[in-house]
Amino acid sequence: MLLGDIAHVRTGDKGDLSQFSVIAFDPADYPRLLAAVTVPRVLAHLAGLRVRQATRYALPGLGALNFVLEGALSGGVTRSLALDAHGKSLGAQLLDLPIDDALRVEDAE
């Protein structure tokens, strides 16, 4: 199962920060998001970025997680030569994160 099967993403940016929220379609899947969509897994999935710091904020009332990635935009819109200087495609890329394997590993521990 991929993250996009149970959630959608909204993104934003400011300077060299990329921010995105992962929002469960069904609030019952929120615990699955908590377990499978961690900072280390997000950074591994978006390994091509030069993130200086990543922070995850849990938003249980919304059934969502909010991530802030500092340094993800190669200097920001006006400084980057990246094809997607706004980082909008990061959210779409994240939806391809496999989540079944992460849950199996945590269930086994």
N, C-alpha and C. Protein backbone atom coordinates (compact mmCIF):
# COMPACT_ATOMS: atom_id res chain seq x y z
N MET A 1 0.85 -1.17 0.00
CA MET A 1 0.00 0.00 0.00
C MET A 1 0.89 1.24 0.00
N LEU A 2 0.47 2.25 -0.73
CA LEU A 2 1.19 3.51 -0.78
C LEU A 2 0.46 4.56 0.07
N LEU A 3 1.20 5.55 0.51
CA LEU A 3 0.61 6.62 1.31
C LEU A 3 -0.58 7.25 0.61
N GLY A 4 -0.48 7.43 -0.70
CA GLY A 4 -1.57 8.04 -1.47
C GLY A 4 -2.86 7.24 -1.47
N ASP A 5 -2.82 5.99 -1.03
CA ASP A 5 -4.04 5.19 -0.93
C ASP A 5 -4.90 5.60 0.26
N ILE A 6 -4.28 6.22 1.28
CA ILE A 6 -5.05 6.58 2.49
C ILE A 6 -4.98 8.07 2.83
N ALA A 7 -4.22 8.86 2.05
CA ALA A 7 -4.04 10.27 2.42
C ALA A 7 -3.82 11.14 1.19
N HIS A 8 -4.01 12.43 1.39
CA HIS A 8 -3.65 13.41 0.37
C HIS A 8 -2.70 14.41 1.00
N VAL A 9 -2.11 15.26 0.17
CA VAL A 9 -1.07 16.18 0.64
C VAL A 9 -1.37 17.60 0.16
N ARG A 10 -1.11 18.55 1.03
CA ARG A 10 -1.14 19.98 0.68
C ARG A 10 0.25 20.53 0.95
N THR A 11 0.75 21.39 0.07
CA THR A 11 2.11 21.89 0.22
C THR A 11 2.15 23.41 0.23
N GLY A 12 3.26 23.92 0.72
CA GLY A 12 3.51 25.35 0.73
C GLY A 12 5.00 25.59 0.84
N ASP A 13 5.40 26.81 0.61
CA ASP A 13 6.82 27.14 0.71
C ASP A 13 6.99 28.60 1.09
N LYS A 14 8.12 28.88 1.67
CA LYS A 14 8.50 30.26 2.00
C LYS A 14 10.01 30.27 2.06
N GLY A 15 10.63 31.01 1.16
CA GLY A 15 12.08 31.03 1.12
C GLY A 15 12.62 29.65 0.85
N ASP A 16 13.47 29.15 1.73
CA ASP A 16 14.10 27.84 1.56
C ASP A 16 13.39 26.76 2.38
N LEU A 17 12.18 27.05 2.86
CA LEU A 17 11.39 26.08 3.62
C LEU A 17 10.32 25.46 2.73
N SER A 18 10.19 24.16 2.81
CA SER A 18 9.07 23.48 2.17
C SER A 18 8.23 22.90 3.30
N GLN A 19 6.95 23.11 3.21
CA GLN A 19 6.04 22.62 4.24
C GLN A 19 4.98 21.81 3.54
N PHE A 20 4.64 20.66 4.10
CA PHE A 20 3.53 19.90 3.55
C PHE A 20 2.78 19.19 4.66
N SER A 21 1.49 19.07 4.44
CA SER A 21 0.62 18.35 5.36
C SER A 21 0.14 17.08 4.69
N VAL A 22 0.18 15.99 5.44
CA VAL A 22 -0.32 14.70 5.00
C VAL A 22 -1.62 14.49 5.76
N ILE A 23 -2.73 14.39 5.04
CA ILE A 23 -4.05 14.37 5.65
C ILE A 23 -4.77 13.07 5.31
N ALA A 24 -5.16 12.32 6.31
CA ALA A 24 -5.85 11.05 6.10
C ALA A 24 -7.22 11.30 5.49
N PHE A 25 -7.58 10.49 4.50
CA PHE A 25 -8.93 10.56 3.94
C PHE A 25 -9.95 10.16 5.01
N ASP A 26 -9.60 9.15 5.79
CA ASP A 26 -10.46 8.63 6.84
C ASP A 26 -9.75 8.82 8.18
N PRO A 27 -10.35 9.53 9.14
CA PRO A 27 -9.68 9.74 10.43
C PRO A 27 -9.23 8.44 11.11
N ALA A 28 -9.86 7.33 10.78
CA ALA A 28 -9.45 6.04 11.37
C ALA A 28 -8.05 5.63 10.92
N ASP A 29 -7.56 6.22 9.83
CA ASP A 29 -6.21 5.91 9.34
C ASP A 29 -5.13 6.80 9.95
N TYR A 30 -5.51 7.74 10.78
CA TYR A 30 -4.52 8.64 11.39
C TYR A 30 -3.43 7.88 12.17
N PRO A 31 -3.78 6.87 12.99
CA PRO A 31 -2.71 6.13 13.68
C PRO A 31 -1.72 5.47 12.71
N ARG A 32 -2.22 5.06 11.57
CA ARG A 32 -1.34 4.49 10.54
C ARG A 32 -0.37 5.55 10.03
N LEU A 33 -0.85 6.78 9.84
CA LEU A 33 0.04 7.87 9.43
C LEU A 33 1.12 8.11 10.48
N LEU A 34 0.71 8.15 11.74
CA LEU A 34 1.68 8.37 12.82
C LEU A 34 2.79 7.34 12.82
N ALA A 35 2.42 6.09 12.58
CA ALA A 35 3.39 5.01 12.63
C ALA A 35 4.28 4.97 11.39
N ALA A 36 3.74 5.26 10.22
CA ALA A 36 4.46 5.03 8.98
C ALA A 36 5.13 6.26 8.38
N VAL A 37 4.63 7.45 8.68
CA VAL A 37 5.15 8.66 8.04
C VAL A 37 5.97 9.43 9.07
N THR A 38 7.19 8.97 9.26
CA THR A 38 8.10 9.56 10.24
C THR A 38 9.12 10.44 9.53
N VAL A 39 9.80 11.27 10.28
CA VAL A 39 10.84 12.12 9.69
C VAL A 39 11.91 11.29 9.00
N PRO A 40 12.47 10.24 9.63
CA PRO A 40 13.49 9.46 8.93
C PRO A 40 12.99 8.83 7.63
N ARG A 41 11.75 8.35 7.61
CA ARG A 41 11.22 7.74 6.39
C ARG A 41 10.97 8.79 5.31
N VAL A 42 10.49 9.97 5.69
CA VAL A 42 10.27 11.04 4.72
C VAL A 42 11.61 11.47 4.12
N LEU A 43 12.62 11.66 4.97
CA LEU A 43 13.92 12.08 4.46
C LEU A 43 14.55 11.02 3.56
N ALA A 44 14.38 9.75 3.91
CA ALA A 44 14.91 8.68 3.06
C ALA A 44 14.19 8.66 1.71
N HIS A 45 12.89 8.91 1.73
CA HIS A 45 12.11 8.89 0.50
C HIS A 45 12.45 10.08 -0.40
N LEU A 46 12.79 11.20 0.21
CA LEU A 46 13.15 12.42 -0.52
C LEU A 46 14.67 12.64 -0.43
N ALA A 47 15.42 11.58 -0.62
CA ALA A 47 16.87 11.58 -0.36
C ALA A 47 17.65 12.57 -1.22
N GLY A 48 17.12 13.01 -2.33
CA GLY A 48 17.84 13.93 -3.19
C GLY A 48 17.88 15.36 -2.67
N LEU A 49 17.17 15.64 -1.60
CA LEU A 49 17.12 17.00 -1.05
C LEU A 49 18.25 17.22 -0.05
N ARG A 50 18.67 18.43 0.09
CA ARG A 50 19.68 18.78 1.09
C ARG A 50 19.00 19.45 2.29
N VAL A 51 18.23 18.69 2.99
CA VAL A 51 17.46 19.21 4.12
C VAL A 51 18.39 19.40 5.32
N ARG A 52 18.38 20.62 5.87
CA ARG A 52 19.18 20.92 7.07
C ARG A 52 18.49 20.43 8.33
N GLN A 53 17.19 20.59 8.36
CA GLN A 53 16.41 20.18 9.52
C GLN A 53 15.00 19.85 9.08
N ALA A 54 14.45 18.79 9.66
CA ALA A 54 13.07 18.39 9.37
C ALA A 54 12.32 18.23 10.68
N THR A 55 11.12 18.76 10.69
CA THR A 55 10.28 18.69 11.90
C THR A 55 8.91 18.18 11.50
N ARG A 56 8.38 17.28 12.32
CA ARG A 56 7.02 16.76 12.11
C ARG A 56 6.14 17.25 13.25
N TYR A 57 4.97 17.76 12.89
CA TYR A 57 3.98 18.18 13.87
C TYR A 57 2.74 17.31 13.70
N ALA A 58 2.29 16.72 14.78
CA ALA A 58 1.08 15.89 14.75
C ALA A 58 -0.15 16.78 14.95
N LEU A 59 -1.16 16.57 14.14
CA LEU A 59 -2.40 17.33 14.21
C LEU A 59 -3.56 16.34 14.33
N PRO A 60 -3.71 15.71 15.51
CA PRO A 60 -4.71 14.65 15.65
C PRO A 60 -6.14 15.11 15.40
N GLY A 61 -6.46 16.33 15.75
CA GLY A 61 -7.82 16.83 15.53
C GLY A 61 -8.18 16.92 14.06
N LEU A 62 -7.16 17.03 13.21
CA LEU A 62 -7.39 17.09 11.76
C LEU A 62 -7.08 15.77 11.07
N GLY A 63 -6.54 14.81 11.83
CA GLY A 63 -6.12 13.55 11.22
C GLY A 63 -4.98 13.77 10.25
N ALA A 64 -4.04 14.65 10.65
CA ALA A 64 -2.98 15.05 9.72
C ALA A 64 -1.63 15.17 10.42
N LEU A 65 -0.59 15.17 9.60
CA LEU A 65 0.77 15.44 10.03
C LEU A 65 1.28 16.60 9.20
N ASN A 66 2.01 17.51 9.82
CA ASN A 66 2.60 18.63 9.11
C ASN A 66 4.12 18.51 9.21
N PHE A 67 4.78 18.62 8.08
CA PHE A 67 6.24 18.55 8.01
C PHE A 67 6.80 19.88 7.53
N VAL A 68 7.88 20.31 8.17
CA VAL A 68 8.61 21.50 7.74
C VAL A 68 10.03 21.05 7.44
N LEU A 69 10.46 21.26 6.19
CA LEU A 69 11.79 20.87 5.76
C LEU A 69 12.60 22.12 5.45
N GLU A 70 13.59 22.40 6.29
CA GLU A 70 14.46 23.56 6.09
C GLU A 70 15.59 23.17 5.15
N GLY A 71 15.81 23.99 4.13
CA GLY A 71 16.87 23.75 3.17
C GLY A 71 16.44 22.87 2.01
N ALA A 72 15.18 22.54 1.93
CA ALA A 72 14.70 21.61 0.90
C ALA A 72 14.61 22.23 -0.48
N LEU A 73 14.64 23.56 -0.58
CA LEU A 73 14.38 24.21 -1.86
C LEU A 73 15.62 24.85 -2.50
N SER A 74 16.78 24.38 -2.14
CA SER A 74 18.04 24.84 -2.76
C SER A 74 18.18 26.35 -2.77
N GLY A 75 17.82 26.98 -1.67
CA GLY A 75 17.95 28.43 -1.57
C GLY A 75 16.67 29.19 -1.76
N GLY A 76 15.64 28.56 -2.26
CA GLY A 76 14.36 29.22 -2.45
C GLY A 76 14.09 29.54 -3.91
N VAL A 77 12.89 30.03 -4.17
CA VAL A 77 12.41 30.25 -5.52
C VAL A 77 13.30 31.18 -6.33
N THR A 78 13.76 32.25 -5.74
CA THR A 78 14.54 33.22 -6.51
C THR A 78 16.01 32.86 -6.64
N ARG A 79 16.48 31.85 -5.92
CA ARG A 79 17.89 31.48 -5.95
C ARG A 79 18.16 30.12 -6.56
N SER A 80 17.15 29.28 -6.66
CA SER A 80 17.34 27.90 -7.08
C SER A 80 17.26 27.74 -8.59
N LEU A 81 18.04 26.81 -9.10
CA LEU A 81 17.95 26.43 -10.50
C LEU A 81 17.13 25.14 -10.66
N ALA A 82 16.52 24.70 -9.58
CA ALA A 82 15.73 23.48 -9.61
C ALA A 82 14.51 23.65 -10.52
N LEU A 83 14.10 22.57 -11.15
CA LEU A 83 12.92 22.62 -12.02
C LEU A 83 11.65 22.94 -11.24
N ASP A 84 11.59 22.50 -10.00
CA ASP A 84 10.42 22.75 -9.15
C ASP A 84 10.88 23.56 -7.94
N ALA A 85 11.19 24.81 -8.15
CA ALA A 85 11.73 25.64 -7.07
C ALA A 85 10.74 25.85 -5.94
N HIS A 86 9.46 25.69 -6.21
CA HIS A 86 8.44 25.83 -5.17
C HIS A 86 8.27 24.57 -4.34
N GLY A 87 8.73 23.45 -4.82
CA GLY A 87 8.61 22.20 -4.08
C GLY A 87 7.24 21.57 -4.12
N LYS A 88 6.39 21.99 -5.06
CA LYS A 88 5.03 21.42 -5.13
C LYS A 88 5.05 19.94 -5.46
N SER A 89 6.04 19.49 -6.22
CA SER A 89 6.06 18.08 -6.59
C SER A 89 6.52 17.19 -5.43
N LEU A 90 7.08 17.77 -4.36
CA LEU A 90 7.50 16.96 -3.21
C LEU A 90 6.31 16.23 -2.60
N GLY A 91 5.18 16.90 -2.52
CA GLY A 91 3.98 16.28 -1.96
C GLY A 91 3.53 15.11 -2.81
N ALA A 92 3.53 15.29 -4.13
CA ALA A 92 3.14 14.20 -5.02
C ALA A 92 4.13 13.04 -4.91
N GLN A 93 5.40 13.36 -4.80
CA GLN A 93 6.41 12.32 -4.65
C GLN A 93 6.22 11.56 -3.34
N LEU A 94 5.87 12.27 -2.29
CA LEU A 94 5.69 11.63 -0.99
C LEU A 94 4.52 10.63 -0.99
N LEU A 95 3.51 10.89 -1.82
CA LEU A 95 2.36 9.99 -1.87
C LEU A 95 2.74 8.60 -2.37
N ASP A 96 3.92 8.46 -2.96
CA ASP A 96 4.42 7.15 -3.40
C ASP A 96 5.18 6.42 -2.30
N LEU A 97 5.19 6.95 -1.09
CA LEU A 97 5.88 6.31 0.04
C LEU A 97 5.16 5.01 0.40
N PRO A 98 5.87 3.86 0.33
CA PRO A 98 5.25 2.61 0.75
C PRO A 98 5.03 2.62 2.27
N ILE A 99 3.84 2.25 2.70
CA ILE A 99 3.60 2.29 4.15
C ILE A 99 3.38 0.91 4.76
N ASP A 100 3.09 -0.10 3.97
CA ASP A 100 2.90 -1.44 4.52
C ASP A 100 4.15 -1.97 5.20
N ASP A 101 5.31 -1.84 4.56
CA ASP A 101 6.56 -2.35 5.14
C ASP A 101 6.86 -1.71 6.48
N ALA A 102 6.64 -0.42 6.60
CA ALA A 102 6.93 0.28 7.86
C ALA A 102 6.05 -0.24 8.97
N LEU A 103 4.80 -0.54 8.67
CA LEU A 103 3.89 -1.04 9.69
C LEU A 103 4.26 -2.45 10.11
N ARG A 104 4.67 -3.28 9.18
CA ARG A 104 5.07 -4.64 9.52
C ARG A 104 6.29 -4.64 10.45
N VAL A 105 7.26 -3.76 10.16
CA VAL A 105 8.46 -3.69 10.99
C VAL A 105 8.10 -3.25 12.40
N GLU A 106 7.25 -2.25 12.55
CA GLU A 106 6.87 -1.76 13.86
C GLU A 106 6.02 -2.78 14.60
N ASP A 107 5.17 -3.52 13.88
CA ASP A 107 4.36 -4.55 14.53
C ASP A 107 5.23 -5.67 15.09
N ALA A 108 6.36 -5.94 14.43
CA ALA A 108 7.24 -7.03 14.85
C ALA A 108 8.08 -6.66 16.07
N GLU A 109 8.25 -5.38 16.31
CA GLU A 109 9.11 -4.93 17.44
C GLU A 109 8.40 -5.03 18.76
